[in-house]
Amino acid sequence: MADKLDQILTVGSTLDWISPLIGLIQDFTNGPSYNFYVDRLAGYSVNDLTGILKRNGVYVWGDMIAEGMIIFTVRRAQARWADYLLRRAGVPVLNTPIANDNSFPKLTPKKSASPKSGWLEWLDWLDDL
């Protein structure tokens, strides 16, 4: 069934102009994003790949098949997690967000709240008097 859907997506993508437009709107509304590319002949369907990610809390959109590749988009903040999940499942991802790219969020410990957090912070100028 998934192969039939992939074939329909492949044929339909050659005549389709609305899907890229919807994808562009989704890119705009979801903020910074990252595209993943998987070879169509790798043995995975679009549903297989997006299912792996969605089951683990990754928001996926813009999935399509173009020029022999399965392409889908995730939020940039979830790109490293998505890459890990796909590689753990044995998916041969053609690109990786794990390179030394400063545009990806770093995992940093959460800062503790200061004792003056909240509405009292605006009174800090009184300390200088």
Foldseek 3Di string as FASTA:
>chain_A
DLVVVQVCLAVVVVVDDVLVVVVVVVCVVLDAKDKWKAFLPQPDGLCRLVVLQVVVPWDKDSWGDDPRITMIMTHLQCQQVSVVSCVVVVGPIPDHPPPPDPVHDDDDDDDDDDPCPDPNVVVVVVVVD
